[in-house]
Amino acid sequence: MEVAKVFPVQAANVVEEKGYAGPLYNDFNWGGYLIWCLRRLPVAIDGRSNLHNAERITRFDRVWGGKHDWASSPELNAARVVIAEKDAPLTQLLRLDARFELVYEDEVAVVFIARNTPTN
């Protein structure tokens, strides 16, 4: 299995090359990979469930699932960079959200930045 078919390899490269500043918003499943490859940007959440209580994990799941209250997420609202799975429900909502601009897309992942977001 190639890493680039499962993880946001190119998306992370774009974030690094462009110098996009955080906070970063990411999915639970990609947090560990993003910790490893984007060391300068703390992840929003990762698979270390002992560090994140069940309520927080459930909230992230609701946001990524595009549930009715997704837009009120404090972490998403504070984000300046979002790395998302290309076909995730949240990704489809962010494509229509005027607060975010799509700056990169491939077969695995997309990168959104908050509008008027400077680089480092």
N, C-alpha and C. Protein backbone atom coordinates (compact mmCIF):
# COMPACT_ATOMS: atom_id res chain seq x y z
N MET A 1 0.84 -1.18 0.00
CA MET A 1 0.00 0.00 0.00
C MET A 1 0.89 1.25 0.00
N GLU A 2 0.61 2.14 -0.89
CA GLU A 2 1.34 3.40 -0.95
C GLU A 2 0.73 4.39 0.03
N VAL A 3 1.59 5.07 0.78
CA VAL A 3 1.15 6.04 1.77
C VAL A 3 0.28 7.12 1.13
N ALA A 4 0.66 7.57 -0.06
CA ALA A 4 -0.05 8.66 -0.73
C ALA A 4 -1.46 8.29 -1.17
N LYS A 5 -1.80 7.01 -1.16
CA LYS A 5 -3.16 6.60 -1.50
C LYS A 5 -4.08 6.63 -0.29
N VAL A 6 -3.51 6.73 0.92
CA VAL A 6 -4.28 6.67 2.15
C VAL A 6 -4.20 7.97 2.96
N PHE A 7 -3.05 8.61 2.89
CA PHE A 7 -2.82 9.81 3.69
C PHE A 7 -2.62 11.04 2.79
N PRO A 8 -2.81 12.24 3.33
CA PRO A 8 -2.73 13.47 2.53
C PRO A 8 -1.30 13.95 2.29
N VAL A 9 -0.52 13.13 1.63
CA VAL A 9 0.90 13.41 1.40
C VAL A 9 1.08 14.72 0.64
N GLN A 10 0.46 14.81 -0.53
CA GLN A 10 0.65 16.02 -1.35
C GLN A 10 0.00 17.25 -0.71
N ALA A 11 -1.14 17.06 -0.07
CA ALA A 11 -1.81 18.18 0.61
C ALA A 11 -0.91 18.74 1.70
N ALA A 12 -0.29 17.87 2.48
CA ALA A 12 0.63 18.32 3.54
C ALA A 12 1.83 19.03 2.93
N ASN A 13 2.32 18.52 1.80
CA ASN A 13 3.44 19.18 1.12
C ASN A 13 3.07 20.59 0.70
N VAL A 14 1.87 20.77 0.19
CA VAL A 14 1.41 22.09 -0.23
C VAL A 14 1.34 23.04 0.96
N VAL A 15 0.78 22.57 2.06
CA VAL A 15 0.69 23.40 3.26
C VAL A 15 2.08 23.83 3.72
N GLU A 16 3.01 22.90 3.69
CA GLU A 16 4.39 23.21 4.10
C GLU A 16 5.06 24.17 3.12
N GLU A 17 4.96 23.89 1.83
CA GLU A 17 5.59 24.73 0.81
C GLU A 17 5.06 26.16 0.81
N LYS A 18 3.76 26.30 0.99
CA LYS A 18 3.14 27.63 0.99
C LYS A 18 3.31 28.35 2.32
N GLY A 19 3.68 27.61 3.35
CA GLY A 19 3.87 28.22 4.65
C GLY A 19 2.58 28.65 5.32
N TYR A 20 1.49 27.97 5.00
CA TYR A 20 0.21 28.33 5.63
C TYR A 20 0.31 28.19 7.14
N ALA A 21 -0.20 29.19 7.82
CA ALA A 21 -0.17 29.21 9.28
C ALA A 21 -1.43 28.56 9.84
N GLY A 22 -1.31 28.01 11.03
CA GLY A 22 -2.46 27.41 11.69
C GLY A 22 -3.28 28.45 12.39
N PRO A 23 -4.25 27.99 13.11
CA PRO A 23 -4.50 26.61 13.51
C PRO A 23 -4.97 25.72 12.35
N LEU A 24 -4.58 24.47 12.47
CA LEU A 24 -4.94 23.44 11.50
C LEU A 24 -6.17 22.69 12.01
N TYR A 25 -7.09 22.40 11.11
CA TYR A 25 -8.24 21.56 11.44
C TYR A 25 -8.12 20.31 10.58
N ASN A 26 -8.18 19.16 11.23
CA ASN A 26 -8.00 17.89 10.52
C ASN A 26 -8.90 16.82 11.11
N ASP A 27 -9.05 15.75 10.38
CA ASP A 27 -9.82 14.60 10.81
C ASP A 27 -9.01 13.75 11.80
N PHE A 28 -9.70 13.09 12.68
CA PHE A 28 -9.13 12.18 13.68
C PHE A 28 -8.17 11.18 13.05
N ASN A 29 -8.54 10.59 11.92
CA ASN A 29 -7.76 9.52 11.31
C ASN A 29 -6.45 9.98 10.69
N TRP A 30 -6.33 11.26 10.36
CA TRP A 30 -5.11 11.76 9.75
C TRP A 30 -4.21 12.50 10.72
N GLY A 31 -4.63 12.66 11.95
CA GLY A 31 -3.87 13.44 12.91
C GLY A 31 -2.45 12.92 13.13
N GLY A 32 -2.30 11.61 13.31
CA GLY A 32 -0.98 11.04 13.53
C GLY A 32 -0.04 11.29 12.37
N TYR A 33 -0.54 11.10 11.17
CA TYR A 33 0.30 11.36 9.99
C TYR A 33 0.70 12.83 9.92
N LEU A 34 -0.25 13.72 10.19
CA LEU A 34 0.03 15.15 10.10
C LEU A 34 0.98 15.62 11.20
N ILE A 35 0.94 14.98 12.37
CA ILE A 35 1.93 15.29 13.42
C ILE A 35 3.33 15.00 12.89
N TRP A 36 3.46 13.90 12.19
CA TRP A 36 4.75 13.46 11.68
C TRP A 36 5.27 14.36 10.55
N CYS A 37 4.41 14.77 9.64
CA CYS A 37 4.91 15.49 8.46
C CYS A 37 4.77 17.02 8.54
N LEU A 38 3.93 17.53 9.40
CA LEU A 38 3.78 18.98 9.56
C LEU A 38 4.12 19.36 11.00
N ARG A 39 5.34 19.17 11.35
CA ARG A 39 5.76 19.34 12.75
C ARG A 39 5.52 20.75 13.29
N ARG A 40 5.50 21.74 12.44
CA ARG A 40 5.33 23.12 12.92
C ARG A 40 3.88 23.48 13.19
N LEU A 41 2.94 22.67 12.71
CA LEU A 41 1.52 22.94 12.90
C LEU A 41 0.89 21.90 13.82
N PRO A 42 0.51 22.27 15.02
CA PRO A 42 -0.18 21.31 15.88
C PRO A 42 -1.50 20.87 15.23
N VAL A 43 -1.79 19.59 15.34
CA VAL A 43 -3.04 19.07 14.79
C VAL A 43 -4.19 19.41 15.72
N ALA A 44 -5.39 19.40 15.16
CA ALA A 44 -6.59 19.64 15.96
C ALA A 44 -6.93 18.42 16.81
N ILE A 45 -6.72 17.24 16.24
CA ILE A 45 -7.04 15.99 16.93
C ILE A 45 -6.26 14.87 16.25
N ASP A 46 -6.03 13.80 17.00
CA ASP A 46 -5.35 12.64 16.43
C ASP A 46 -5.85 11.39 17.14
N GLY A 47 -5.32 10.26 16.76
CA GLY A 47 -5.81 8.97 17.24
C GLY A 47 -5.49 8.63 18.68
N ARG A 48 -4.80 9.50 19.38
CA ARG A 48 -4.50 9.22 20.79
C ARG A 48 -5.73 9.52 21.64
N SER A 49 -6.65 8.59 21.64
CA SER A 49 -7.94 8.81 22.30
C SER A 49 -7.81 9.02 23.81
N ASN A 50 -6.70 8.63 24.40
CA ASN A 50 -6.50 8.89 25.82
C ASN A 50 -6.26 10.38 26.10
N LEU A 51 -5.92 11.15 25.08
CA LEU A 51 -5.73 12.60 25.24
C LEU A 51 -6.99 13.40 24.94
N HIS A 52 -7.93 12.80 24.25
CA HIS A 52 -9.15 13.48 23.83
C HIS A 52 -10.34 12.76 24.45
N ASN A 53 -11.14 13.49 25.20
CA ASN A 53 -12.27 12.82 25.84
C ASN A 53 -13.33 12.44 24.80
N ALA A 54 -14.22 11.57 25.20
CA ALA A 54 -15.24 11.03 24.29
C ALA A 54 -16.12 12.14 23.72
N GLU A 55 -16.42 13.15 24.50
CA GLU A 55 -17.26 14.26 24.02
C GLU A 55 -16.57 15.00 22.87
N ARG A 56 -15.29 15.24 22.99
CA ARG A 56 -14.55 15.95 21.94
C ARG A 56 -14.48 15.10 20.67
N ILE A 57 -14.21 13.82 20.82
CA ILE A 57 -14.15 12.93 19.65
C ILE A 57 -15.50 12.88 18.96
N THR A 58 -16.57 12.80 19.74
CA THR A 58 -17.93 12.79 19.17
C THR A 58 -18.21 14.10 18.45
N ARG A 59 -17.80 15.23 19.02
CA ARG A 59 -18.01 16.53 18.37
C ARG A 59 -17.29 16.58 17.02
N PHE A 60 -16.03 16.12 16.98
CA PHE A 60 -15.30 16.10 15.72
C PHE A 60 -16.00 15.21 14.70
N ASP A 61 -16.48 14.06 15.16
CA ASP A 61 -17.19 13.13 14.28
C ASP A 61 -18.44 13.80 13.69
N ARG A 62 -19.15 14.56 14.49
CA ARG A 62 -20.36 15.25 14.02
C ARG A 62 -20.00 16.31 12.98
N VAL A 63 -18.93 17.05 13.23
CA VAL A 63 -18.52 18.09 12.28
C VAL A 63 -18.10 17.45 10.96
N TRP A 64 -17.24 16.44 11.01
CA TRP A 64 -16.78 15.80 9.78
C TRP A 64 -17.91 15.09 9.05
N GLY A 65 -18.94 14.70 9.79
CA GLY A 65 -20.11 14.07 9.17
C GLY A 65 -21.10 15.08 8.63
N GLY A 66 -20.83 16.37 8.82
CA GLY A 66 -21.71 17.42 8.30
C GLY A 66 -23.05 17.50 9.01
N LYS A 67 -23.08 17.13 10.29
CA LYS A 67 -24.34 17.19 11.05
C LYS A 67 -24.79 18.63 11.19
N HIS A 68 -26.03 18.83 11.59
CA HIS A 68 -26.68 20.15 11.55
C HIS A 68 -25.90 21.26 12.25
N ASP A 69 -25.12 20.96 13.26
CA ASP A 69 -24.40 22.00 14.00
C ASP A 69 -22.92 22.12 13.61
N TRP A 70 -22.54 21.58 12.47
CA TRP A 70 -21.14 21.55 12.06
C TRP A 70 -20.51 22.94 12.02
N ALA A 71 -21.25 23.94 11.58
CA ALA A 71 -20.68 25.28 11.37
C ALA A 71 -20.38 26.00 12.67
N SER A 72 -20.88 25.50 13.80
CA SER A 72 -20.65 26.16 15.08
C SER A 72 -19.45 25.59 15.83
N SER A 73 -18.69 24.72 15.22
CA SER A 73 -17.53 24.11 15.87
C SER A 73 -16.49 25.18 16.19
N PRO A 74 -16.11 25.33 17.47
CA PRO A 74 -15.08 26.32 17.82
C PRO A 74 -13.74 26.06 17.12
N GLU A 75 -13.35 24.79 17.02
CA GLU A 75 -12.08 24.47 16.38
C GLU A 75 -12.11 24.78 14.89
N LEU A 76 -13.20 24.46 14.23
CA LEU A 76 -13.32 24.77 12.80
C LEU A 76 -13.35 26.28 12.60
N ASN A 77 -14.08 26.99 13.43
CA ASN A 77 -14.17 28.44 13.29
C ASN A 77 -12.84 29.15 13.53
N ALA A 78 -11.97 28.54 14.34
CA ALA A 78 -10.65 29.13 14.61
C ALA A 78 -9.62 28.73 13.56
N ALA A 79 -9.93 27.72 12.76
CA ALA A 79 -8.96 27.19 11.80
C ALA A 79 -8.61 28.19 10.71
N ARG A 80 -7.34 28.18 10.36
CA ARG A 80 -6.88 28.94 9.20
C ARG A 80 -6.50 28.02 8.06
N VAL A 81 -6.33 26.71 8.38
CA VAL A 81 -6.03 25.69 7.38
C VAL A 81 -6.86 24.45 7.72
N VAL A 82 -7.47 23.87 6.69
CA VAL A 82 -8.20 22.61 6.86
C VAL A 82 -7.64 21.62 5.84
N ILE A 83 -7.23 20.47 6.32
CA ILE A 83 -6.84 19.37 5.43
C ILE A 83 -7.91 18.31 5.60
N ALA A 84 -8.58 17.99 4.50
CA ALA A 84 -9.76 17.13 4.57
C ALA A 84 -9.74 16.04 3.50
N GLU A 85 -10.40 14.93 3.83
CA GLU A 85 -10.59 13.90 2.82
C GLU A 85 -11.45 14.46 1.69
N LYS A 86 -11.08 14.16 0.49
CA LYS A 86 -11.76 14.72 -0.68
C LYS A 86 -13.26 14.50 -0.67
N ASP A 87 -13.72 13.34 -0.24
CA ASP A 87 -15.14 13.01 -0.31
C ASP A 87 -15.89 13.10 1.02
N ALA A 88 -15.27 13.66 2.05
CA ALA A 88 -15.92 13.78 3.35
C ALA A 88 -17.11 14.74 3.27
N PRO A 89 -18.16 14.50 4.03
CA PRO A 89 -19.30 15.43 4.05
C PRO A 89 -18.87 16.87 4.38
N LEU A 90 -17.96 17.03 5.34
CA LEU A 90 -17.51 18.39 5.67
C LEU A 90 -16.83 19.06 4.48
N THR A 91 -16.08 18.31 3.72
CA THR A 91 -15.42 18.86 2.54
C THR A 91 -16.44 19.45 1.58
N GLN A 92 -17.53 18.74 1.36
CA GLN A 92 -18.55 19.24 0.43
C GLN A 92 -19.18 20.52 0.98
N LEU A 93 -19.36 20.60 2.28
CA LEU A 93 -19.92 21.82 2.88
C LEU A 93 -18.94 22.98 2.79
N LEU A 94 -17.66 22.71 3.02
CA LEU A 94 -16.67 23.78 2.95
C LEU A 94 -16.48 24.31 1.53
N ARG A 95 -16.75 23.49 0.54
CA ARG A 95 -16.69 23.97 -0.84
C ARG A 95 -17.67 25.12 -1.07
N LEU A 96 -18.75 25.15 -0.28
CA LEU A 96 -19.79 26.17 -0.41
C LEU A 96 -19.71 27.25 0.66
N ASP A 97 -18.78 27.12 1.56
CA ASP A 97 -18.68 28.02 2.71
C ASP A 97 -17.79 29.22 2.35
N ALA A 98 -18.34 30.41 2.38
CA ALA A 98 -17.61 31.62 2.00
C ALA A 98 -16.45 31.93 2.94
N ARG A 99 -16.40 31.31 4.11
CA ARG A 99 -15.30 31.55 5.04
C ARG A 99 -14.00 30.88 4.61
N PHE A 100 -14.10 29.89 3.70
CA PHE A 100 -12.94 29.11 3.31
C PHE A 100 -12.73 29.13 1.80
N GLU A 101 -11.47 29.05 1.42
CA GLU A 101 -11.09 29.00 0.00
C GLU A 101 -10.35 27.69 -0.27
N LEU A 102 -10.78 26.98 -1.30
CA LEU A 102 -10.10 25.76 -1.72
C LEU A 102 -8.82 26.15 -2.44
N VAL A 103 -7.67 25.66 -1.94
CA VAL A 103 -6.39 26.03 -2.56
C VAL A 103 -5.64 24.83 -3.14
N TYR A 104 -6.13 23.62 -2.83
CA TYR A 104 -5.47 22.43 -3.37
C TYR A 104 -6.45 21.26 -3.32
N GLU A 105 -6.35 20.38 -4.34
CA GLU A 105 -7.16 19.18 -4.36
C GLU A 105 -6.46 18.10 -5.18
N ASP A 106 -6.50 16.87 -4.66
CA ASP A 106 -6.04 15.71 -5.41
C ASP A 106 -7.02 14.57 -5.20
N GLU A 107 -6.65 13.37 -5.52
CA GLU A 107 -7.56 12.23 -5.41
C GLU A 107 -7.84 11.81 -3.97
N VAL A 108 -7.02 12.26 -3.03
CA VAL A 108 -7.15 11.85 -1.64
C VAL A 108 -7.65 12.98 -0.75
N ALA A 109 -7.08 14.16 -0.94
CA ALA A 109 -7.30 15.24 0.03
C ALA A 109 -7.50 16.59 -0.63
N VAL A 110 -8.02 17.50 0.18
CA VAL A 110 -8.15 18.90 -0.22
C VAL A 110 -7.57 19.77 0.89
N VAL A 111 -7.19 20.98 0.51
CA VAL A 111 -6.72 21.96 1.48
C VAL A 111 -7.56 23.21 1.29
N PHE A 112 -8.12 23.67 2.39
CA PHE A 112 -8.83 24.94 2.43
C PHE A 112 -8.05 25.87 3.34
N ILE A 113 -8.07 27.15 3.03
CA ILE A 113 -7.54 28.14 3.95
C ILE A 113 -8.67 29.13 4.25
N ALA A 114 -8.61 29.70 5.43
CA ALA A 114 -9.59 30.73 5.77
C ALA A 114 -9.34 31.91 4.85
N ARG A 115 -10.37 32.53 4.39
CA ARG A 115 -10.22 33.69 3.50
C ARG A 115 -9.39 34.75 4.21
N ASN A 116 -8.56 35.44 3.44
CA ASN A 116 -7.67 36.48 3.95
C ASN A 116 -6.66 35.93 4.94
N THR A 117 -6.23 34.68 4.73
CA THR A 117 -5.23 34.07 5.60
C THR A 117 -3.84 34.34 5.05
N PRO A 118 -2.99 35.04 5.83
CA PRO A 118 -1.61 35.24 5.38
C PRO A 118 -0.79 33.98 5.58
N THR A 119 0.34 33.87 4.90
CA THR A 119 1.27 32.79 5.17
C THR A 119 2.19 33.25 6.28
N ASN A 120 3.00 32.33 6.81
CA ASN A 120 3.94 32.68 7.89
C ASN A 120 4.93 33.71 7.45
